[in-house]
Protein backbone atom coordinates (compact mmCIF):
# COMPACT_ATOMS: atom_id res chain seq x y z
CA MET A 1 62.72 -33.99 -45.74
CA SER A 2 61.50 -35.59 -48.65
CA ASN A 3 58.45 -38.21 -48.93
CA VAL A 4 60.23 -41.10 -48.22
CA SER A 5 61.64 -39.81 -45.52
CA SER A 6 58.58 -38.37 -43.81
CA ASN A 7 57.27 -41.78 -44.42
CA ILE A 8 59.91 -44.67 -43.11
CA PHE A 9 60.24 -41.81 -40.01
CA ASN A 10 56.07 -41.74 -39.12
CA GLN A 11 56.58 -45.58 -39.41
CA ILE A 12 59.69 -45.87 -37.06
CA VAL A 13 57.76 -43.66 -34.60
CA GLU A 14 54.33 -45.95 -34.85
CA THR A 15 56.11 -48.69 -34.66
CA GLN A 16 58.13 -47.21 -31.05
CA VAL A 17 54.72 -46.25 -29.84
CA ASN A 18 53.08 -49.41 -30.48
CA ALA A 19 55.67 -51.30 -28.83
CA GLY A 20 55.00 -49.06 -25.45
CA ASN A 21 58.52 -47.39 -26.45
CA TYR A 22 58.55 -43.77 -25.54
CA GLY A 23 62.32 -42.52 -24.53
CA GLY A 24 60.91 -42.52 -21.11
CA ARG A 25 58.26 -40.07 -19.62
CA ASP A 26 60.69 -37.18 -20.19
CA GLY A 27 62.05 -38.94 -23.72
CA PRO A 28 61.32 -37.41 -27.61
CA LEU A 29 57.84 -39.49 -27.48
CA GLY A 30 56.76 -39.16 -23.15
CA HIS A 31 53.53 -36.98 -24.04
CA TYR A 32 52.24 -40.55 -25.20
CA ALA A 33 52.83 -42.43 -21.92
CA THR A 34 51.00 -40.10 -20.15
CA ASN A 35 48.11 -40.10 -22.66
CA GLY A 36 49.17 -36.76 -23.21
CA LYS A 37 49.32 -35.21 -20.44
CA LYS A 38 51.61 -32.62 -19.22
CA LYS A 39 53.67 -34.45 -15.94
CA GLU A 40 53.49 -32.11 -13.17
CA GLY A 41 56.69 -30.84 -12.09
CA LYS A 42 58.30 -31.16 -9.03
CA LYS A 43 57.10 -29.21 -5.56
CA VAL A 44 60.49 -26.83 -4.50
CA LYS A 45 59.82 -27.14 -0.78
CA PRO A 46 60.77 -24.07 1.11
CA PHE A 47 63.69 -23.40 2.24
CA ASP A 48 66.62 -21.12 4.29
CA ILE A 49 69.79 -20.75 3.21
CA VAL A 50 72.01 -20.41 6.47
CA ARG A 51 75.65 -19.88 6.68
CA PHE A 52 77.40 -22.70 9.32
CA THR A 53 80.48 -21.38 10.95
CA ILE A 54 82.63 -23.48 13.18
CA SER A 55 85.46 -21.57 14.49
CA ARG A 56 87.46 -23.63 17.49
CA GLY A 57 87.04 -26.18 19.78
CA GLU A 58 88.18 -27.71 23.01
CA VAL A 59 88.92 -31.50 23.13
CA PHE A 60 88.72 -32.40 27.19
CA LYS A 61 91.31 -35.62 26.69
CA ALA A 62 93.53 -37.45 24.50
CA TRP A 63 92.71 -39.75 22.11
CA ASP A 64 95.92 -41.35 20.46
CA SER A 65 99.14 -42.22 22.26
CA ASN A 66 100.79 -39.02 21.72
CA GLY A 67 98.59 -36.96 24.47
CA LEU A 68 96.82 -35.54 21.70
CA ALA A 69 93.41 -35.96 18.90
CA ASP A 70 92.50 -35.47 15.56
CA PRO A 71 89.71 -34.08 15.64
CA LYS A 72 87.11 -33.35 12.61
CA VAL A 73 83.32 -32.54 12.69
CA TYR A 74 79.91 -33.59 11.37
CA LEU A 75 76.96 -32.24 11.36
CA TYR A 76 73.46 -33.56 10.42
CA LEU A 77 70.55 -32.00 9.36
CA LEU A 78 67.26 -34.29 11.61
CA LYS A 79 64.33 -34.40 10.17
CA LYS A 80 61.43 -36.40 11.95
CA LYS A 81 59.64 -38.82 9.20
CA LYS A 82 56.36 -40.14 9.88
CA ASP A 83 56.51 -43.01 11.54
CA GLY A 84 58.11 -40.39 14.05
CA GLU A 85 61.45 -41.81 13.92
CA GLU A 86 64.27 -39.25 13.16
CA SER A 87 66.86 -39.50 9.99
CA LYS A 88 69.71 -37.72 9.66
CA LYS A 89 71.32 -36.30 6.41
CA LEU A 90 75.32 -34.91 6.34
CA LEU A 91 75.46 -31.29 5.66
CA PHE A 92 78.96 -31.78 6.04
CA LYS A 93 82.41 -32.33 7.99
CA THR A 94 85.25 -30.40 8.45
CA GLU A 95 88.61 -31.27 7.62
CA VAL A 96 90.77 -32.72 10.75
CA CYS A 97 92.96 -30.50 13.26
CA LYS A 98 95.68 -33.08 13.60
CA LYS A 99 97.76 -33.61 16.54
CA THR A 100 95.72 -31.05 18.69
CA LEU A 101 93.41 -31.08 22.19
CA SER A 102 92.33 -26.99 21.54
CA PRO A 103 91.71 -27.12 17.24
CA ASP A 104 90.92 -24.40 14.78
CA PHE A 105 88.34 -25.43 12.30
CA LYS A 106 88.86 -22.51 10.16
CA PHE A 107 84.84 -23.37 8.51
CA SER A 108 82.10 -21.27 7.44
CA GLU A 109 79.81 -22.60 4.53
CA MET A 110 76.41 -21.57 3.24
CA TYR A 111 73.98 -24.45 2.26
CA LYS A 112 69.80 -24.41 1.72
CA ILE A 113 67.93 -26.13 4.77
CA PRO A 114 64.48 -27.01 4.62
CA THR A 115 62.04 -24.43 6.05
CA GLU A 116 60.57 -27.25 8.10
CA ALA A 117 63.78 -28.85 9.67
CA VAL A 118 64.28 -27.59 13.47
CA GLU A 119 67.47 -29.23 14.89
CA VAL A 120 70.92 -30.40 13.89
CA LEU A 121 73.09 -32.63 15.23
CA MET A 122 76.81 -32.27 15.54
CA GLU A 123 79.34 -34.82 15.60
CA ILE A 124 82.85 -34.66 17.14
CA TYR A 125 85.22 -37.92 16.26
CA ASP A 126 88.47 -38.59 16.53
CA ASP A 127 90.55 -39.27 12.86
CA ASP A 128 92.30 -42.74 12.81
CA LEU A 129 93.40 -44.99 9.94
CA ILE A 130 90.87 -47.77 10.97
CA LYS A 131 88.15 -46.16 12.53
CA ASP A 132 87.29 -42.84 14.01
CA ASP A 133 86.83 -42.79 17.45
CA PHE A 134 83.44 -40.85 18.58
CA ILE A 135 84.16 -38.66 20.92
CA GLY A 136 80.70 -36.79 21.69
CA SER A 137 77.85 -35.02 20.11
CA CYS A 138 75.20 -32.52 20.52
CA LYS A 139 71.13 -31.90 19.26
CA ILE A 140 70.83 -27.85 18.65
CA LEU A 141 67.67 -26.25 17.55
CA LEU A 142 67.36 -23.79 14.36
CA ASN A 143 65.85 -20.86 15.89
CA TYR A 144 65.95 -17.51 13.26
CA ASN A 145 64.92 -14.95 15.61
CA ASP A 146 67.37 -13.45 17.49
CA MET A 147 70.74 -11.05 16.98
CA PRO A 148 74.17 -12.73 15.91
CA SER A 149 75.90 -14.93 18.33
CA ALA A 150 78.44 -17.72 18.42
CA LYS A 151 77.94 -20.43 21.84
CA ASN A 152 80.22 -23.49 22.32
CA HIS A 153 78.12 -26.50 22.52
CA VAL A 154 78.86 -28.24 25.00
CA LEU A 155 79.73 -32.61 22.88
CA TYR A 156 78.29 -35.51 25.44
CA ASP A 157 79.80 -39.11 24.77
CA LYS A 158 77.02 -42.60 25.78
CA GLU A 159 77.24 -41.99 28.78
CA LYS A 160 76.20 -38.37 28.80
CA TYR A 161 79.93 -37.23 30.45
CA ALA A 162 81.05 -33.96 28.06
CA GLN A 163 84.16 -34.61 26.50
CA ALA A 164 84.89 -31.21 24.16
CA ASN A 165 83.19 -28.17 23.08
CA VAL A 166 82.73 -26.40 20.13
CA MET A 167 81.89 -22.91 18.99
CA MET A 168 79.27 -22.48 16.35
CA MET A 169 77.30 -19.21 14.40
CA MET A 170 74.54 -20.31 12.28
CA GLN A 171 73.24 -16.95 10.24
CA LYS A 172 69.97 -16.58 7.93
CA MET A 173 71.34 -15.55 4.49
CA ASP A 174 69.18 -14.11 1.50
CA LYS A 175 69.32 -15.86 -1.54
CA SER A 176 72.07 -13.78 -3.11
CA GLY A 177 74.32 -15.50 0.24
CA HIS A 178 73.94 -11.78 2.28
CA ASN A 179 73.80 -12.07 6.09
CA LEU A 180 69.90 -11.63 7.05
CA LEU A 181 69.54 -12.31 10.59
CA ASN A 182 71.86 -14.73 13.18
CA VAL A 183 70.47 -17.77 14.21
CA LYS A 184 70.55 -18.09 17.89
CA ASN A 185 71.80 -21.77 18.99
């Protein structure tokens, strides 16, 4: 770079710094914004890799005029907030199984689950064009200490009547996706 170009560049940088424009904390002049201190990296929270497998289910009554239902399952990760309230984050939803009371979901995927997580919420809905019908839900404890087991989970409506059951298995995996232990649920 020639002397003239170098001087112009330095003048531009000086003008930008004097104006407080550093290109953001992560920009090329961001170290000026932090008074020369490097920004601390985001701490990575410990997590487990868990494979959720939802195989089949049963809806106990018809939700559509054809005498059947179009069920789909949602699974949420539950977290306790500092104020004691509970928040939920959607992990996944299955595909809709059309026109059946005995759905075969054929769902299996792995997710990162924070190690402090203790519960998931399973909900089942009847898929409709305008608004999906809530069929039922249940909370499931995460427990990584036992051998493999798939369990039928009974899902209850808001009045606490059993409306459906869904078979689900949770398996703890290592970081490369190999089975370690299974999660008893």
